[in-house]
Amino acid sequence: MRAREKVSWCLSGLLAVAAVAGWGYAPQRPGQPGGDMLDAVAAVQRRAPRFLISEPVPLANWARGGALYLCRAPRTAADVDGLGKQPSLPDPRWAGVVCFRGTDDPSVFDVPWVSEGGDRCLRYPNFAVFGDPDMLKEVQALLAAEGFQPARDP
């Protein structure tokens, strides 16, 4: 019976890993033109895989107002959380890092990177991407190829 339980646990583990790995290859969810933050991250990862880091303590509304970081080199959640939060005060540690931030939750506090905009922030209807200008250009091209359209200015 123990051998059978081990096989069952191993099979369950393999199925879970396959499901998580398949998330990045899943088609866009219906009913969301252009997609949300998670669709955008998956689109970029399909074409140019990067290290993916979640914010250290995601909230329950994470997909609508949380953050995911894509990095060229391995980083920890503490590393990305410690990056400078004011775009007007350059932080060289942003080199090789972009942050996808959900902007679809009205209860989320102001994010200076998004509210100040500028050339280091890309705005989409329900998320924004900010950080390293070189990576932003790459992300913008990848998202455009996947059909994501920038937000229209009011």
C-alpha atoms as a PDB file:
ATOM      1  CA  MET A   1       0.000   0.000   0.000  1.00  0.00           C
ATOM      2  CA  ARG A   2       2.860   2.417   0.742  1.00  0.00           C
ATOM      3  CA  ALA A   3       4.328   2.024  -2.727  1.00  0.00           C
ATOM      4  CA  ARG A   4       0.909   2.751  -4.201  1.00  0.00           C
ATOM      5  CA  GLU A   5       0.584   5.909  -2.050  1.00  0.00           C
ATOM      6  CA  LYS A   6       4.024   7.102  -3.183  1.00  0.00           C
ATOM      7  CA  VAL A   7       3.076   6.589  -6.822  1.00  0.00           C
ATOM      8  CA  SER A   8      -0.166   8.476  -6.219  1.00  0.00           C
ATOM      9  CA  TRP A   9       1.647  11.409  -4.582  1.00  0.00           C
ATOM     10  CA  CYS A  10       4.285  11.473  -7.330  1.00  0.00           C
ATOM     11  CA  LEU A  11       1.597  11.445 -10.003  1.00  0.00           C
ATOM     12  CA  SER A  12      -0.285  14.251  -8.240  1.00  0.00           C
ATOM     13  CA  GLY A  13       2.911  16.265  -7.973  1.00  0.00           C
ATOM     14  CA  LEU A  14       3.713  15.784 -11.651  1.00  0.00           C
ATOM     15  CA  LEU A  15       0.212  16.863 -12.642  1.00  0.00           C
ATOM     16  CA  ALA A  16       0.492  19.988 -10.480  1.00  0.00           C
ATOM     17  CA  VAL A  17       3.852  20.893 -12.029  1.00  0.00           C
ATOM     18  CA  ALA A  18       2.451  20.329 -15.529  1.00  0.00           C
ATOM     19  CA  ALA A  19      -0.551  22.541 -14.754  1.00  0.00           C
ATOM     20  CA  VAL A  20       1.639  25.375 -13.476  1.00  0.00           C
ATOM     21  CA  ALA A  21       4.032  25.039 -16.418  1.00  0.00           C
ATOM     22  CA  GLY A  22       1.100  25.083 -18.837  1.00  0.00           C
ATOM     23  CA  TRP A  23      -0.233  28.368 -17.408  1.00  0.00           C
ATOM     24  CA  GLY A  24       2.181  30.335 -19.582  1.00  0.00           C
ATOM     25  CA  TYR A  25       1.032  28.458 -22.678  1.00  0.00           C
ATOM     26  CA  ALA A  26      -2.680  28.673 -22.039  1.00  0.00           C
ATOM     27  CA  PRO A  27      -4.720  30.684 -24.514  1.00  0.00           C
ATOM     28  CA  GLN A  28      -6.043  34.069 -23.492  1.00  0.00           C
ATOM     29  CA  ARG A  29      -9.134  33.875 -21.310  1.00  0.00           C
ATOM     30  CA  PRO A  30     -12.320  34.730 -23.205  1.00  0.00           C
ATOM     31  CA  GLY A  31     -14.149  37.972 -22.524  1.00  0.00           C
ATOM     32  CA  GLN A  32     -11.045  40.015 -21.756  1.00  0.00           C
ATOM     33  CA  PRO A  33      -9.987  41.968 -24.815  1.00  0.00           C
ATOM     34  CA  GLY A  34      -6.235  42.429 -24.748  1.00  0.00           C
ATOM     35  CA  GLY A  35      -6.017  40.438 -21.536  1.00  0.00           C
ATOM     36  CA  ASP A  36      -5.106  41.281 -17.970  1.00  0.00           C
ATOM     37  CA  MET A  37      -1.782  41.437 -16.155  1.00  0.00           C
ATOM     38  CA  LEU A  38      -1.487  37.651 -15.916  1.00  0.00           C
ATOM     39  CA  ASP A  39      -2.181  37.236 -19.640  1.00  0.00           C
ATOM     40  CA  ALA A  40       0.463  39.869 -20.407  1.00  0.00           C
ATOM     41  CA  VAL A  41       3.113  38.216 -18.247  1.00  0.00           C
ATOM     42  CA  ALA A  42       2.320  34.832 -19.820  1.00  0.00           C
ATOM     43  CA  ALA A  43       2.596  36.373 -23.313  1.00  0.00           C
ATOM     44  CA  VAL A  44       6.033  37.813 -22.554  1.00  0.00           C
ATOM     45  CA  GLN A  45       7.213  34.598 -20.904  1.00  0.00           C
ATOM     46  CA  ARG A  46       6.168  32.543 -23.956  1.00  0.00           C
ATOM     47  CA  ARG A  47       8.377  34.622 -26.253  1.00  0.00           C
ATOM     48  CA  ALA A  48      11.253  35.703 -23.968  1.00  0.00           C
ATOM     49  CA  PRO A  49      11.358  33.776 -20.664  1.00  0.00           C
ATOM     50  CA  ARG A  50      12.713  35.713 -17.707  1.00  0.00           C
ATOM     51  CA  PHE A  51      12.991  35.103 -13.982  1.00  0.00           C
ATOM     52  CA  LEU A  52       9.520  35.650 -12.521  1.00  0.00           C
ATOM     53  CA  ILE A  53       9.118  37.000  -8.995  1.00  0.00           C
ATOM     54  CA  SER A  54       5.910  37.845  -7.184  1.00  0.00           C
ATOM     55  CA  GLU A  55       5.665  40.692  -4.726  1.00  0.00           C
ATOM     56  CA  PRO A  56       6.563  39.423  -1.220  1.00  0.00           C
ATOM     57  CA  VAL A  57       3.074  39.460   0.320  1.00  0.00           C
ATOM     58  CA  PRO A  58       0.401  39.324  -2.389  1.00  0.00           C
ATOM     59  CA  LEU A  59      -3.081  40.516  -1.464  1.00  0.00           C
ATOM     60  CA  ALA A  60      -6.312  38.668  -2.178  1.00  0.00           C
ATOM     61  CA  ASN A  61      -6.964  40.933  -5.191  1.00  0.00           C
ATOM     62  CA  TRP A  62      -3.451  40.275  -6.489  1.00  0.00           C
ATOM     63  CA  ALA A  63      -4.360  39.803 -10.169  1.00  0.00           C
ATOM     64  CA  ARG A  64      -6.202  43.153 -10.197  1.00  0.00           C
ATOM     65  CA  GLY A  65      -3.817  45.242  -8.077  1.00  0.00           C
ATOM     66  CA  GLY A  66      -0.715  43.212  -7.330  1.00  0.00           C
ATOM     67  CA  ALA A  67       2.719  43.059  -8.883  1.00  0.00           C
ATOM     68  CA  LEU A  68       4.884  40.585 -10.782  1.00  0.00           C
ATOM     69  CA  TYR A  69       8.496  41.274 -11.661  1.00  0.00           C
ATOM     70  CA  LEU A  70      10.382  39.926 -14.677  1.00  0.00           C
ATOM     71  CA  CYS A  71      14.157  39.968 -14.299  1.00  0.00           C
ATOM     72  CA  ARG A  72      17.094  39.091 -16.529  1.00  0.00           C
ATOM     73  CA  ALA A  73      19.008  37.684 -13.528  1.00  0.00           C
ATOM     74  CA  PRO A  74      17.750  35.779 -10.487  1.00  0.00           C
ATOM     75  CA  ARG A  75      16.386  37.987  -7.689  1.00  0.00           C
ATOM     76  CA  THR A  76      14.470  37.372  -4.495  1.00  0.00           C
ATOM     77  CA  ALA A  77      11.132  38.886  -3.527  1.00  0.00           C
ATOM     78  CA  ALA A  78      12.999  41.000  -0.960  1.00  0.00           C
ATOM     79  CA  ASP A  79      15.373  42.256  -3.691  1.00  0.00           C
ATOM     80  CA  VAL A  80      12.570  43.492  -5.937  1.00  0.00           C
ATOM     81  CA  ASP A  81      10.558  44.863  -3.031  1.00  0.00           C
ATOM     82  CA  GLY A  82      13.587  46.948  -2.048  1.00  0.00           C
ATOM     83  CA  LEU A  83      13.879  48.659  -5.442  1.00  0.00           C
ATOM     84  CA  GLY A  84      13.428  52.440  -5.404  1.00  0.00           C
ATOM     85  CA  LYS A  85       9.748  53.323  -5.561  1.00  0.00           C
ATOM     86  CA  GLN A  86      10.148  56.875  -6.882  1.00  0.00           C
ATOM     87  CA  PRO A  87      10.872  57.066 -10.628  1.00  0.00           C
ATOM     88  CA  SER A  88      12.193  60.602 -10.175  1.00  0.00           C
ATOM     89  CA  LEU A  89      15.006  59.196  -7.988  1.00  0.00           C
ATOM     90  CA  PRO A  90      16.885  56.793 -10.290  1.00  0.00           C
ATOM     91  CA  ASP A  91      17.798  53.458  -8.736  1.00  0.00           C
ATOM     92  CA  PRO A  92      20.416  51.544 -10.769  1.00  0.00           C
ATOM     93  CA  ARG A  93      19.116  48.258  -9.337  1.00  0.00           C
ATOM     94  CA  TRP A  94      16.163  48.491 -11.785  1.00  0.00           C
ATOM     95  CA  ALA A  95      18.575  47.511 -14.596  1.00  0.00           C
ATOM     96  CA  GLY A  96      17.241  44.287 -16.101  1.00  0.00           C
ATOM     97  CA  VAL A  97      13.960  44.451 -14.139  1.00  0.00           C
ATOM     98  CA  VAL A  98      10.393  45.385 -15.083  1.00  0.00           C
ATOM     99  CA  CYS A  99       7.315  45.292 -12.901  1.00  0.00           C
ATOM    100  CA  PHE A 100       3.831  44.380 -14.121  1.00  0.00           C
ATOM    101  CA  ARG A 101       1.328  46.099 -11.827  1.00  0.00           C
ATOM    102  CA  GLY A 102      -2.415  45.508 -11.919  1.00  0.00           C
ATOM    103  CA  THR A 103      -4.312  48.805 -12.087  1.00  0.00           C
ATOM    104  CA  ASP A 104      -7.844  47.423 -12.164  1.00  0.00           C
ATOM    105  CA  ASP A 105      -8.552  47.694  -8.422  1.00  0.00           C
ATOM    106  CA  PRO A 106      -9.739  51.127  -7.236  1.00  0.00           C
ATOM    107  CA  SER A 107      -8.766  50.341  -3.626  1.00  0.00           C
ATOM    108  CA  VAL A 108      -5.060  50.029  -4.464  1.00  0.00           C
ATOM    109  CA  PHE A 109      -2.948  52.923  -3.235  1.00  0.00           C
ATOM    110  CA  ASP A 110      -1.162  55.284  -5.604  1.00  0.00           C
ATOM    111  CA  VAL A 111       1.873  53.794  -7.352  1.00  0.00           C
ATOM    112  CA  PRO A 112       4.278  56.638  -8.277  1.00  0.00           C
ATOM    113  CA  TRP A 113       5.686  54.707 -11.249  1.00  0.00           C
ATOM    114  CA  VAL A 114       2.205  54.543 -12.762  1.00  0.00           C
ATOM    115  CA  SER A 115       0.819  57.928 -11.696  1.00  0.00           C
ATOM    116  CA  GLU A 116       3.938  59.830 -12.802  1.00  0.00           C
ATOM    117  CA  GLY A 117       4.192  57.820 -16.043  1.00  0.00           C
ATOM    118  CA  GLY A 118       6.940  59.062 -18.299  1.00  0.00           C
ATOM    119  CA  ASP A 119       9.182  57.060 -20.573  1.00  0.00           C
ATOM    120  CA  ARG A 120       9.727  54.336 -17.972  1.00  0.00           C
ATOM    121  CA  CYS A 121       6.080  53.266 -17.763  1.00  0.00           C
ATOM    122  CA  LEU A 122       3.772  51.542 -20.264  1.00  0.00           C
ATOM    123  CA  ARG A 123       0.054  51.798 -19.545  1.00  0.00           C
ATOM    124  CA  TYR A 124      -2.514  49.247 -20.660  1.00  0.00           C
ATOM    125  CA  PRO A 125      -6.243  49.217 -19.855  1.00  0.00           C
ATOM    126  CA  ASN A 126      -5.938  47.233 -16.610  1.00  0.00           C
ATOM    127  CA  PHE A 127      -2.226  47.002 -15.862  1.00  0.00           C
ATOM    128  CA  ALA A 128       1.004  48.949 -16.257  1.00  0.00           C
ATOM    129  CA  VAL A 129       4.607  47.904 -16.840  1.00  0.00           C
ATOM    130  CA  PHE A 130       7.503  49.977 -15.548  1.00  0.00           C
ATOM    131  CA  GLY A 131      11.220  49.731 -14.850  1.00  0.00           C
ATOM    132  CA  ASP A 132      14.300  49.320 -17.041  1.00  0.00           C
ATOM    133  CA  PRO A 133      13.791  51.332 -20.272  1.00  0.00           C
ATOM    134  CA  ASP A 134      15.560  48.717 -22.434  1.00  0.00           C
ATOM    135  CA  MET A 135      13.423  45.894 -21.101  1.00  0.00           C
ATOM    136  CA  LEU A 136      10.313  48.076 -21.488  1.00  0.00           C
ATOM    137  CA  LYS A 137      10.983  48.402 -25.215  1.00  0.00           C
ATOM    138  CA  GLU A 138      11.284  44.633 -25.492  1.00  0.00           C
ATOM    139  CA  VAL A 139       8.126  44.042 -23.443  1.00  0.00           C
ATOM    140  CA  GLN A 140       6.195  46.618 -25.475  1.00  0.00           C
ATOM    141  CA  ALA A 141       7.141  44.893 -28.745  1.00  0.00           C
ATOM    142  CA  LEU A 142       6.262  41.452 -27.371  1.00  0.00           C
ATOM    143  CA  LEU A 143       2.896  42.628 -26.051  1.00  0.00           C
ATOM    144  CA  ALA A 144       2.081  44.374 -29.335  1.00  0.00           C
ATOM    145  CA  ALA A 145       2.859  41.140 -31.197  1.00  0.00           C
ATOM    146  CA  GLU A 146       0.405  39.363 -28.876  1.00  0.00           C
ATOM    147  CA  GLY A 147      -2.360  41.923 -29.537  1.00  0.00           C
ATOM    148  CA  PHE A 148      -2.144  44.034 -26.383  1.00  0.00           C
ATOM    149  CA  GLN A 149      -3.070  47.641 -27.058  1.00  0.00           C
ATOM    150  CA  PRO A 150      -1.857  50.531 -24.877  1.00  0.00           C
ATOM    151  CA  ALA A 151      -4.437  52.409 -22.833  1.00  0.00           C
ATOM    152  CA  ARG A 152      -5.889  55.474 -24.442  1.00  0.00           C
ATOM    153  CA  ASP A 153      -5.180  58.732 -22.665  1.00  0.00           C
ATOM    154  CA  PRO A 154      -8.341  60.344 -21.263  1.00  0.00           C
END
